[in-house]
Protein backbone atom coordinates (compact mmCIF):
# COMPACT_ATOMS: atom_id res chain seq x y z
CA MET A 1 164.40 143.39 119.07
CA ARG A 2 165.75 142.31 115.67
CA ALA A 3 166.54 138.88 117.09
CA HIS A 4 167.70 135.83 115.11
CA GLU A 5 167.60 132.18 116.16
CA ALA A 6 171.30 131.75 115.28
CA GLY A 7 172.31 134.72 117.41
CA ALA A 8 172.14 138.49 117.32
CA LEU A 9 175.01 138.93 114.86
CA HIS A 10 172.99 137.06 112.21
CA ALA A 11 169.97 139.34 112.47
CA GLU A 12 169.17 141.42 109.41
CA GLY A 13 170.66 144.90 109.70
CA TYR A 14 172.44 144.14 112.97
CA GLY A 15 175.03 146.79 113.72
CA GLY A 16 173.70 149.03 110.95
CA PRO A 17 170.96 151.64 110.73
CA PRO A 18 167.31 150.77 110.12
CA HIS A 19 166.12 151.19 106.53
CA TRP A 20 164.30 154.45 107.28
CA LEU A 21 167.22 156.24 108.95
CA PRO A 22 169.32 158.20 106.41
CA THR A 23 172.84 159.35 107.12
CA PRO A 24 172.50 163.11 107.67
CA GLY A 25 174.45 165.57 105.57
CA ASP A 26 174.48 167.93 108.56
CA VAL A 27 174.28 166.26 111.95
CA ASN A 28 173.05 169.55 113.48
CA GLU A 29 170.02 169.82 111.21
CA LEU A 30 166.57 169.51 112.77
CA MET A 31 163.65 167.76 111.10
CA PRO A 32 160.76 170.20 111.74
CA GLN A 33 158.07 167.49 111.78
CA LEU A 34 159.66 165.93 114.88
CA TRP A 35 159.83 169.04 117.05
CA PRO A 36 157.49 171.53 118.73
CA GLN A 37 156.72 174.57 116.61
CA THR A 38 158.95 177.07 118.42
CA VAL A 39 162.06 174.85 118.51
CA THR A 40 165.10 176.09 116.57
CA ARG A 41 168.86 176.51 117.03
CA ASP A 42 170.57 179.75 118.02
CA ASP A 43 173.83 181.09 116.60
CA GLU A 44 175.86 178.79 118.85
CA GLY A 45 173.89 175.73 117.81
CA ARG A 46 172.02 175.45 121.10
CA LEU A 47 168.46 174.17 120.89
CA THR A 48 165.91 176.81 121.82
CA VAL A 49 162.21 176.52 122.64
CA GLY A 50 159.79 179.36 123.29
CA GLY A 51 162.71 181.79 123.07
CA LEU A 52 164.83 180.03 125.73
CA ASP A 53 167.93 177.91 125.13
CA VAL A 54 168.12 174.44 126.67
CA VAL A 55 171.45 175.12 128.37
CA GLY A 56 169.73 177.72 130.53
CA ILE A 57 166.73 175.44 131.07
CA ALA A 58 169.03 172.62 132.21
CA ARG A 59 170.93 174.96 134.48
CA GLU A 60 167.74 176.18 136.18
CA PHE A 61 165.67 173.00 136.32
CA GLY A 62 168.20 170.18 135.98
CA THR A 63 168.07 167.05 133.84
CA ALA A 64 166.42 164.76 133.00
CA ALA A 65 163.42 167.02 132.33
CA TYR A 66 160.38 167.07 130.08
CA VAL A 67 160.27 170.41 128.26
CA LEU A 68 156.79 171.34 127.04
CA ASP A 69 156.15 174.01 124.40
CA GLU A 70 152.87 175.53 125.64
CA GLU A 71 152.13 177.43 122.42
CA ASP A 72 152.65 174.24 120.38
CA PHE A 73 150.31 172.28 122.65
CA ARG A 74 147.59 174.92 122.44
CA ALA A 75 148.00 175.32 118.68
CA ARG A 76 147.55 171.58 118.11
CA ALA A 77 144.46 171.56 120.31
CA ARG A 78 142.99 174.47 118.33
CA ALA A 79 143.85 172.80 115.03
CA PHE A 80 141.86 169.68 115.90
CA ARG A 81 139.00 171.79 117.23
CA ASP A 82 138.76 174.04 114.18
CA ASP A 83 139.83 171.69 111.39
CA PHE A 84 137.21 169.12 112.39
CA ALA A 85 134.46 171.64 113.14
CA GLU A 86 134.31 172.95 109.57
CA PRO A 87 133.80 169.65 107.66
CA PHE A 88 131.41 168.32 110.33
CA ALA A 89 129.29 171.48 110.40
CA GLY A 90 126.89 170.02 107.84
CA LEU A 91 126.40 166.90 109.96
CA GLY A 92 125.55 166.84 113.65
CA GLY A 93 128.69 168.67 114.71
CA VAL A 94 131.82 167.28 116.36
CA ASP A 95 133.44 167.13 119.79
CA VAL A 96 137.19 166.66 120.22
CA TYR A 97 138.26 164.74 123.33
CA TYR A 98 141.77 165.24 124.68
CA ALA A 99 143.28 162.00 126.01
CA GLY A 100 144.04 162.51 129.67
CA LYS A 101 146.02 159.26 129.70
CA ALA A 102 148.53 160.75 127.23
CA PHE A 103 149.55 163.42 129.72
CA LEU A 104 147.51 165.20 132.34
CA CYS A 105 148.19 167.66 135.11
CA THR A 106 146.15 170.51 136.52
CA GLU A 107 147.67 173.15 134.26
CA VAL A 108 147.25 171.06 131.09
CA ALA A 109 143.62 170.38 132.00
CA ARG A 110 143.11 174.15 132.16
CA TRP A 111 144.70 174.56 128.72
CA VAL A 112 142.41 171.91 127.28
CA ALA A 113 139.39 173.67 128.78
CA ASP A 114 140.60 177.07 127.52
CA GLU A 115 140.88 175.76 123.96
CA GLY A 116 137.32 174.40 124.01
CA LEU A 117 138.09 170.68 123.92
CA CYS A 118 136.47 167.91 125.89
CA LEU A 119 138.46 165.62 128.19
CA ASP A 120 138.64 161.84 128.31
CA VAL A 121 139.63 160.33 131.67
CA CYS A 122 140.21 156.68 132.50
CA SER A 123 140.43 156.59 136.29
CA GLY A 124 139.36 158.31 139.46
CA GLY A 125 142.82 159.89 139.66
CA GLU A 126 142.56 161.47 136.22
CA LEU A 127 139.07 162.67 137.08
CA ALA A 128 140.40 164.18 140.31
CA VAL A 129 142.93 166.22 138.30
CA ALA A 130 140.09 167.48 136.09
CA GLN A 131 138.04 168.39 139.15
CA ARG A 132 140.97 170.23 140.71
CA ALA A 133 141.35 172.23 137.49
CA GLY A 134 137.64 173.07 137.50
CA PHE A 135 137.16 171.37 134.15
CA PRO A 136 133.51 171.62 133.00
CA ALA A 137 131.85 168.35 134.02
CA GLN A 138 129.63 168.09 130.94
CA ARG A 139 132.74 168.02 128.73
CA ILE A 140 134.27 165.03 130.54
CA GLY A 141 133.95 161.40 129.49
CA LEU A 142 134.92 158.47 131.73
CA HIS A 143 136.45 155.40 130.12
CA GLY A 144 137.85 152.18 131.55
CA ASN A 145 137.21 148.45 131.33
CA ASN A 146 136.91 147.96 135.10
CA LYS A 147 135.56 151.09 136.74
CA SER A 148 135.08 150.77 140.46
CA VAL A 149 131.89 151.74 142.25
CA ALA A 150 133.84 154.59 143.86
CA GLU A 151 134.95 155.89 140.45
CA ILE A 152 131.42 155.68 139.05
CA ARG A 153 130.06 157.49 142.09
CA GLN A 154 132.78 160.17 141.76
CA ALA A 155 131.91 160.69 138.09
CA LEU A 156 128.15 160.88 138.58
CA ALA A 157 128.46 163.14 141.62
CA TYR A 158 130.58 165.54 139.57
CA GLY A 159 128.10 165.33 136.67
CA VAL A 160 130.32 164.06 133.85
CA GLY A 161 128.87 164.23 130.37
CA ARG A 162 129.20 160.55 129.63
CA ILE A 163 130.41 157.21 130.92
CA VAL A 164 131.55 154.71 128.30
CA VAL A 165 130.14 151.33 129.32
CA ASP A 166 132.48 148.38 128.85
CA SER A 167 130.76 145.29 130.33
CA PHE A 168 127.39 143.86 131.33
CA GLU A 169 128.40 144.02 134.99
CA GLU A 170 129.11 147.70 134.56
CA ILE A 171 125.62 148.39 133.23
CA GLU A 172 124.16 147.14 136.49
CA ARG A 173 126.83 148.88 138.54
CA ILE A 174 126.21 152.30 136.97
CA ALA A 175 122.43 151.89 137.19
CA ALA A 176 122.71 151.07 140.90
CA VAL A 177 124.92 154.07 141.68
CA ALA A 178 122.68 156.36 139.62
CA ALA A 179 119.65 155.16 141.60
CA GLU A 180 121.53 155.73 144.86
CA LEU A 181 122.38 159.32 143.84
CA GLY A 182 118.99 160.02 142.31
CA VAL A 183 120.42 160.88 138.88
CA ARG A 184 120.16 159.55 135.34
CA ALA A 185 123.60 158.49 134.13
CA PRO A 186 124.54 159.42 130.53
CA VAL A 187 126.21 156.38 128.95
CA MET A 188 127.69 155.19 125.67
CA VAL A 189 128.32 151.60 124.61
CA ARG A 190 131.89 150.72 123.68
CA VAL A 191 131.65 148.54 120.59
CA THR A 192 134.41 146.19 119.48
CA VAL A 193 134.00 146.51 115.74
CA GLY A 194 136.48 143.80 114.66
CA VAL A 195 138.90 146.11 112.85
CA GLU A 196 142.63 145.31 112.92
CA ALA A 197 144.51 148.59 113.16
CA HIS A 198 148.02 148.53 111.68
CA THR A 199 149.85 149.27 114.90
CA HIS A 200 151.55 147.45 117.80
CA GLU A 201 149.37 144.65 119.16
CA PHE A 202 149.29 146.20 122.64
CA ILE A 203 147.77 149.45 121.34
CA ALA A 204 145.34 147.93 118.83
CA THR A 205 141.99 147.98 120.61
CA ALA A 206 139.18 146.95 118.24
CA HIS A 207 140.05 143.39 117.26
CA GLU A 208 138.01 140.66 118.88
CA ASP A 209 140.59 139.10 121.22
CA GLN A 210 141.15 141.89 123.75
CA LYS A 211 139.67 143.27 126.93
CA PHE A 212 137.71 146.31 125.74
CA GLY A 213 134.08 146.67 124.82
CA PHE A 214 131.16 144.64 123.51
CA SER A 215 131.75 142.66 120.34
CA LEU A 216 129.48 143.05 117.33
CA ALA A 217 130.03 139.36 116.73
CA GLY A 218 127.35 137.29 118.41
CA GLY A 219 125.20 140.35 119.07
CA ARG A 220 126.88 141.32 122.33
CA ALA A 221 126.84 145.05 121.53
CA ALA A 222 123.16 144.89 120.55
CA GLU A 223 122.40 143.08 123.80
CA ALA A 224 124.23 145.79 125.78
CA VAL A 225 122.03 148.42 124.14
CA ALA A 226 118.89 146.46 125.02
CA ARG A 227 119.96 146.06 128.66
CA ILE A 228 120.69 149.77 129.00
CA LEU A 229 117.28 150.62 127.59
CA GLU A 230 115.73 148.40 130.27
CA HIS A 231 117.18 150.86 132.83
CA ALA A 232 115.64 153.95 131.21
CA ASP A 233 114.90 155.48 134.62
CA THR A 234 118.59 155.51 135.64
CA LEU A 235 120.53 155.28 132.37
CA GLU A 236 120.40 157.67 129.40
CA LEU A 237 121.71 156.01 126.23
CA LEU A 238 123.67 158.66 124.33
CA GLY A 239 125.20 156.52 121.61
CA LEU A 240 127.95 154.16 120.51
CA HIS A 241 131.70 154.36 120.93
CA SER A 242 134.56 152.70 119.09
CA HIS A 243 138.35 152.96 119.28
CA ILE A 244 140.44 150.93 116.84
CA GLY A 245 143.90 151.65 118.22
CA SER A 246 146.67 154.18 118.50
CA GLN A 247 149.50 155.64 116.38
CA ILE A 248 147.36 155.32 113.22
CA PHE A 249 148.44 157.16 110.05
CA ASP A 250 145.47 156.86 107.69
CA THR A 251 141.68 156.72 107.85
CA SER A 252 141.15 153.42 106.01
CA GLY A 253 140.49 151.48 109.22
CA PHE A 254 137.92 154.06 110.28
CA GLU A 255 135.89 153.40 107.12
CA VAL A 256 135.08 149.86 108.22
CA SER A 257 134.66 150.94 111.83
CA ALA A 258 132.25 153.74 110.89
CA ARG A 259 130.26 151.45 108.59
CA ARG A 260 129.73 148.89 111.34
CA LEU A 261 129.08 151.43 114.07
CA ILE A 262 126.60 153.42 111.98
CA GLY A 263 124.96 150.16 110.94
CA LEU A 264 124.34 149.31 114.60
CA HIS A 265 123.20 152.88 115.22
CA ALA A 266 120.55 152.46 112.51
CA ASP A 267 119.54 149.02 113.84
CA VAL A 268 118.88 150.48 117.29
CA ALA A 269 116.62 153.13 115.76
CA ARG A 270 114.75 150.50 113.74
CA VAL A 271 114.42 147.83 116.44
CA HIS A 272 113.91 150.00 119.53
CA GLY A 273 112.62 153.23 118.05
CA VAL A 274 115.45 155.10 119.78
CA HIS A 275 117.58 157.66 117.97
CA MET A 276 120.89 157.98 119.80
CA PRO A 277 122.29 161.52 119.49
CA GLU A 278 126.01 160.70 119.59
CA LEU A 279 128.62 158.58 117.82
CA ASP A 280 132.27 158.32 118.87
CA LEU A 281 134.73 157.03 116.27
CA GLY A 282 137.80 157.21 118.51
CA GLY A 283 141.00 158.35 116.88
CA GLY A 284 144.49 157.53 118.09
CA TYR A 285 146.09 159.52 115.26
CA GLY A 286 149.80 159.00 114.76
CA ILE A 287 152.68 161.43 115.19
CA ALA A 288 156.19 161.57 113.76
CA TYR A 289 158.72 160.04 116.13
CA THR A 290 161.30 159.56 113.35
CA SER A 291 161.72 160.30 109.64
CA GLU A 292 159.80 157.07 108.98
CA HIS A 293 156.47 158.59 110.06
CA GLU A 294 154.25 160.82 107.92
CA PRO A 295 151.14 161.81 109.88
CA LEU A 296 148.15 163.47 108.25
CA SER A 297 147.34 167.04 109.22
CA PRO A 298 144.24 167.68 111.36
CA ARG A 299 142.62 169.36 108.34
CA ARG A 300 143.04 166.31 106.12
CA LEU A 301 141.95 164.00 108.92
CA GLY A 302 138.84 166.11 109.53
CA GLU A 303 137.89 166.18 105.86
CA GLN A 304 138.41 162.46 105.39
CA MET A 305 136.57 161.50 108.58
CA ALA A 306 133.61 163.75 107.69
CA ASP A 307 133.48 162.28 104.18
CA LEU A 308 133.34 158.71 105.39
CA VAL A 309 130.71 159.47 108.06
CA THR A 310 128.55 161.24 105.48
CA ARG A 311 128.91 158.33 103.09
CA GLU A 312 128.03 155.68 105.66
CA LEU A 313 125.07 157.62 107.07
CA LYS A 314 123.70 157.97 103.55
CA ALA A 315 124.25 154.27 102.82
CA VAL A 316 122.16 153.09 105.77
CA GLY A 317 119.57 155.88 105.63
CA ASP A 318 120.23 156.40 109.32
CA GLY A 319 117.11 157.35 111.21
CA GLY A 320 115.04 158.07 108.12
CA PRO A 321 114.04 161.41 106.55
CA GLY A 322 114.13 164.39 108.88
CA THR A 323 116.17 162.62 111.57
CA PRO A 324 119.22 164.67 112.55
CA ALA A 325 122.66 163.19 112.06
CA PRO A 326 124.37 162.19 115.32
CA LYS A 327 127.04 164.41 116.80
CA VAL A 328 130.41 162.75 116.21
CA SER A 329 133.22 162.63 118.74
CA ILE A 330 136.87 162.03 117.91
CA GLU A 331 139.84 161.35 120.16
CA PRO A 332 143.18 162.52 118.71
CA GLY A 333 145.12 160.66 121.43
CA ARG A 334 148.83 161.43 121.42
CA ALA A 335 148.54 163.85 118.48
CA ILE A 336 148.15 166.92 120.73
CA ALA A 337 150.48 166.23 123.64
CA GLY A 338 153.05 164.03 121.91
CA PRO A 339 154.86 166.47 119.59
CA SER A 340 154.66 169.36 122.07
CA THR A 341 157.35 168.00 124.39
CA PHE A 342 160.94 166.80 124.25
CA THR A 343 163.00 165.23 127.01
CA LEU A 344 166.28 166.90 127.89
CA TYR A 345 169.11 164.69 129.16
CA GLU A 346 172.76 165.10 130.06
CA VAL A 347 175.30 162.64 128.68
CA GLY A 348 177.21 160.72 131.34
CA THR A 349 179.33 158.23 129.40
CA VAL A 350 180.16 157.34 125.81
CA LYS A 351 181.32 153.79 125.15
CA ASP A 352 182.31 151.93 121.96
CA VAL A 353 181.57 148.21 122.11
CA ASP A 354 183.21 145.71 119.77
CA LEU A 355 180.52 143.36 118.44
CA GLY A 356 182.89 141.10 116.55
CA GLY A 357 183.07 140.53 112.84
CA GLY A 358 184.25 144.09 112.35
CA ALA A 359 181.05 145.55 113.81
CA LYS A 360 180.88 147.92 116.74
CA ARG A 361 178.28 150.03 118.49
CA THR A 362 178.53 153.34 120.29
CA TYR A 363 176.53 153.54 123.52
CA VAL A 364 175.69 157.03 124.78
CA SER A 365 174.38 156.90 128.35
CA VAL A 366 172.14 159.65 129.72
CA ASP A 367 170.79 160.57 133.15
CA GLY A 368 167.33 159.10 132.61
CA GLY A 369 166.02 156.07 130.76
CA MET A 370 163.21 153.59 131.00
CA SER A 371 161.87 155.20 134.17
CA ASP A 372 160.96 158.34 132.20
CA ASN A 373 160.31 156.65 128.84
CA ILE A 374 159.25 153.01 128.97
CA ARG A 375 157.89 152.97 125.41
CA THR A 376 161.08 151.82 123.70
CA ALA A 377 161.29 148.77 125.96
CA LEU A 378 157.53 148.15 126.05
CA TYR A 379 156.55 148.69 122.41
CA ASP A 380 159.85 148.63 120.48
CA ALA A 381 159.08 152.31 119.89
CA ASP A 382 161.58 154.26 117.82
CA TYR A 383 162.69 157.76 118.75
CA SER A 384 165.05 160.36 117.36
CA CYS A 385 167.41 162.67 119.23
CA THR A 386 169.88 165.47 118.67
CA LEU A 387 172.86 167.11 120.32
CA ALA A 388 171.16 170.07 121.99
CA SER A 389 173.80 172.12 123.85
CA ARG A 390 176.15 173.16 121.03
CA ARG A 391 176.91 172.99 117.34
CA SER A 392 179.21 170.14 116.34
CA GLU A 393 181.66 169.83 113.47
CA GLY A 394 181.91 166.09 114.08
CA ALA A 395 181.00 163.44 111.54
CA PRO A 396 177.74 161.49 111.90
CA ARG A 397 178.18 158.29 113.91
CA LEU A 398 175.47 155.70 114.47
CA ALA A 399 174.77 155.49 118.21
CA ARG A 400 172.38 153.94 120.69
CA VAL A 401 171.16 156.19 123.50
CA VAL A 402 170.64 154.28 126.73
CA GLY A 403 169.59 155.07 130.25
CA LYS A 404 171.14 154.65 133.67
CA HIS A 405 168.99 151.77 134.90
CA CYS A 406 170.13 148.26 135.74
CA GLU A 407 168.56 146.67 132.64
CA SER A 408 170.11 145.85 129.26
CA GLY A 409 166.73 146.78 127.76
CA ASP A 410 167.00 150.30 129.18
CA ILE A 411 167.14 151.93 125.74
CA VAL A 412 165.92 155.45 125.01
CA VAL A 413 166.77 155.71 121.29
CA MET A 414 167.59 152.47 119.48
CA ASP A 415 169.43 153.99 116.52
CA GLU A 416 170.39 157.58 115.76
CA TYR A 417 173.20 159.45 114.05
CA LEU A 418 174.97 161.70 116.54
CA PRO A 419 178.21 163.62 116.00
CA ASP A 420 181.29 161.56 116.75
CA ASP A 421 182.49 164.14 119.29
CA VAL A 422 179.55 163.70 121.68
CA THR A 423 180.98 163.56 125.17
CA ALA A 424 180.10 163.59 128.85
CA GLY A 425 178.36 166.84 129.85
CA ASP A 426 176.66 167.37 126.49
CA LEU A 427 172.89 167.75 126.42
CA LEU A 428 170.72 165.52 124.23
CA ALA A 429 167.08 166.19 123.38
CA VAL A 430 164.60 163.46 122.43
CA PRO A 431 161.47 164.79 120.67
CA GLY A 432 157.95 163.37 120.73
CA THR A 433 157.90 162.51 124.43
CA GLY A 434 154.80 164.48 125.45
CA ALA A 435 152.46 161.49 125.35
CA TYR A 436 152.70 158.38 127.50
CA CYS A 437 156.18 159.18 128.84
CA ARG A 438 155.52 161.19 132.01
CA SER A 439 152.14 159.47 132.42
CA MET A 440 153.78 156.00 132.30
CA ALA A 441 156.92 157.03 134.20
CA SER A 442 158.03 154.93 137.15
CA GLN A 443 160.39 155.15 140.11
CA TYR A 444 162.41 152.16 138.93
CA ASN A 445 165.70 151.83 140.81
CA HIS A 446 164.18 154.42 143.18
CA THR A 447 164.78 157.13 140.61
CA PRO A 448 162.70 160.27 141.20
CA ARG A 449 160.57 161.18 138.18
CA PRO A 450 161.59 164.26 136.15
CA PRO A 451 159.74 167.57 136.20
CA VAL A 452 157.59 168.96 133.40
CA VAL A 453 158.78 172.43 132.47
CA ALA A 454 156.39 174.53 130.36
CA VAL A 455 157.95 177.21 128.16
CA ARG A 456 156.19 180.10 126.44
CA ASP A 457 157.22 183.57 125.24
CA GLY A 458 160.66 183.47 126.82
CA LYS A 459 159.48 182.25 130.22
CA ALA A 460 159.73 178.80 131.77
CA ARG A 461 157.86 177.42 134.75
CA VAL A 462 157.45 174.04 136.41
CA ILE A 463 153.95 172.59 136.03
CA VAL A 464 154.84 169.19 137.52
CA ARG A 465 157.73 169.35 139.95
CA ARG A 466 160.63 166.93 140.08
CA GLU A 467 160.20 164.14 142.60
CA THR A 468 162.73 164.00 145.39
CA VAL A 469 164.27 161.24 147.44
CA GLU A 470 162.14 162.54 150.30
CA ASP A 471 159.04 161.86 148.16
CA LEU A 472 160.19 158.28 147.64
CA LEU A 473 160.93 157.70 151.30
CA ALA A 474 157.61 159.25 152.38
CA LEU A 475 155.77 156.24 150.92
CA ASP A 476 157.94 153.73 152.79
CA VAL A 477 155.98 152.87 155.93
CA GLY A 478 158.80 150.71 157.28
């Protein structure tokens, strides 16, 4: 993190704020694009969500806690559903798949179903949550680069709408399970289209050197299509799938991806005489974690994605005259769950550290950390935060918010301006933690994972309870 071969003190910007972080005129001010829609401050400066203040939430449910704005979550789901449906109406239509890996529990699965979205799951466990919620099977897709026979059998027995095939071995595996169950498995081919998404290398998923999918290079994707068609009695080829990465802020990468995917779609029709009814362009749309990020609205994304699909279909003359356009699927990723949630912490210690050369850093330690948000350590992810329990008259002071774990890399927020009177017992709120925080949470240092508290219309309820020490010990056979 901002390292230099001559030592940390020589690194550019060391001890100072990143270029995108302005000194606030009012340290109590909230940036609306970072927070759920119902979040505001009351007359005493306390953060409120869904009509409840966080001091009361902390008193009832404790900290650390994920606080989820249910109305915000549902509104974002509806926005993607409606704002994509309109521009795609003149094509083959569109399905929006919620990313179960971002955050999934039984209640959230029900919300996703209520709002008319489809659901993408990547494991037998995620599928089990969907089953428990009674999620419609035809609106579920199963992903994964190494699905087990048990997971494939679970998916086909439940009747999922599609399985995204990721390897040649998997083609045979799915065909065998389908034959065993006496069903015809609906499948899509995951195509590695060779597009470099401008994102962290660990969440870019369509360049050639990575584990997902069949590469267009060397004809591997075309060969996968041919092998699936050889199993016509047990496999139903629905279409092609691509995913270029995550935390993406424009549609330029999708232009190349769509061109290559639609080109293969047309080749399959020409070579095999098969018109596949579906096309999945992925998504992974970005959200604002800090003032640096400027995500596109669902409406603009929908219009731009529909325009490029229309253009590329026209360019290849896909399917010929009278052939219907394929239904397109998109996967917003973190863009629904991410902004809907913030993590609420209590400050334990505040420490000023002399860095030498006149530089110093303020460390604000909270009662959580990398066990409830690994993304800062894993991806160098940047977050924002605010003093949540009161209004402050203090001056802005650059601080680093860290966790309680026995790791120097246990950082929650790398750089943020907090008031210089922040002290033990204050509450801090970190926005944008609805995606990949609870779902990637661990029990590091034997720390029980926080609860997820859903808030709506002045009422709060636990939808995922806090783990207890008894939960931890229950797994210990010794």
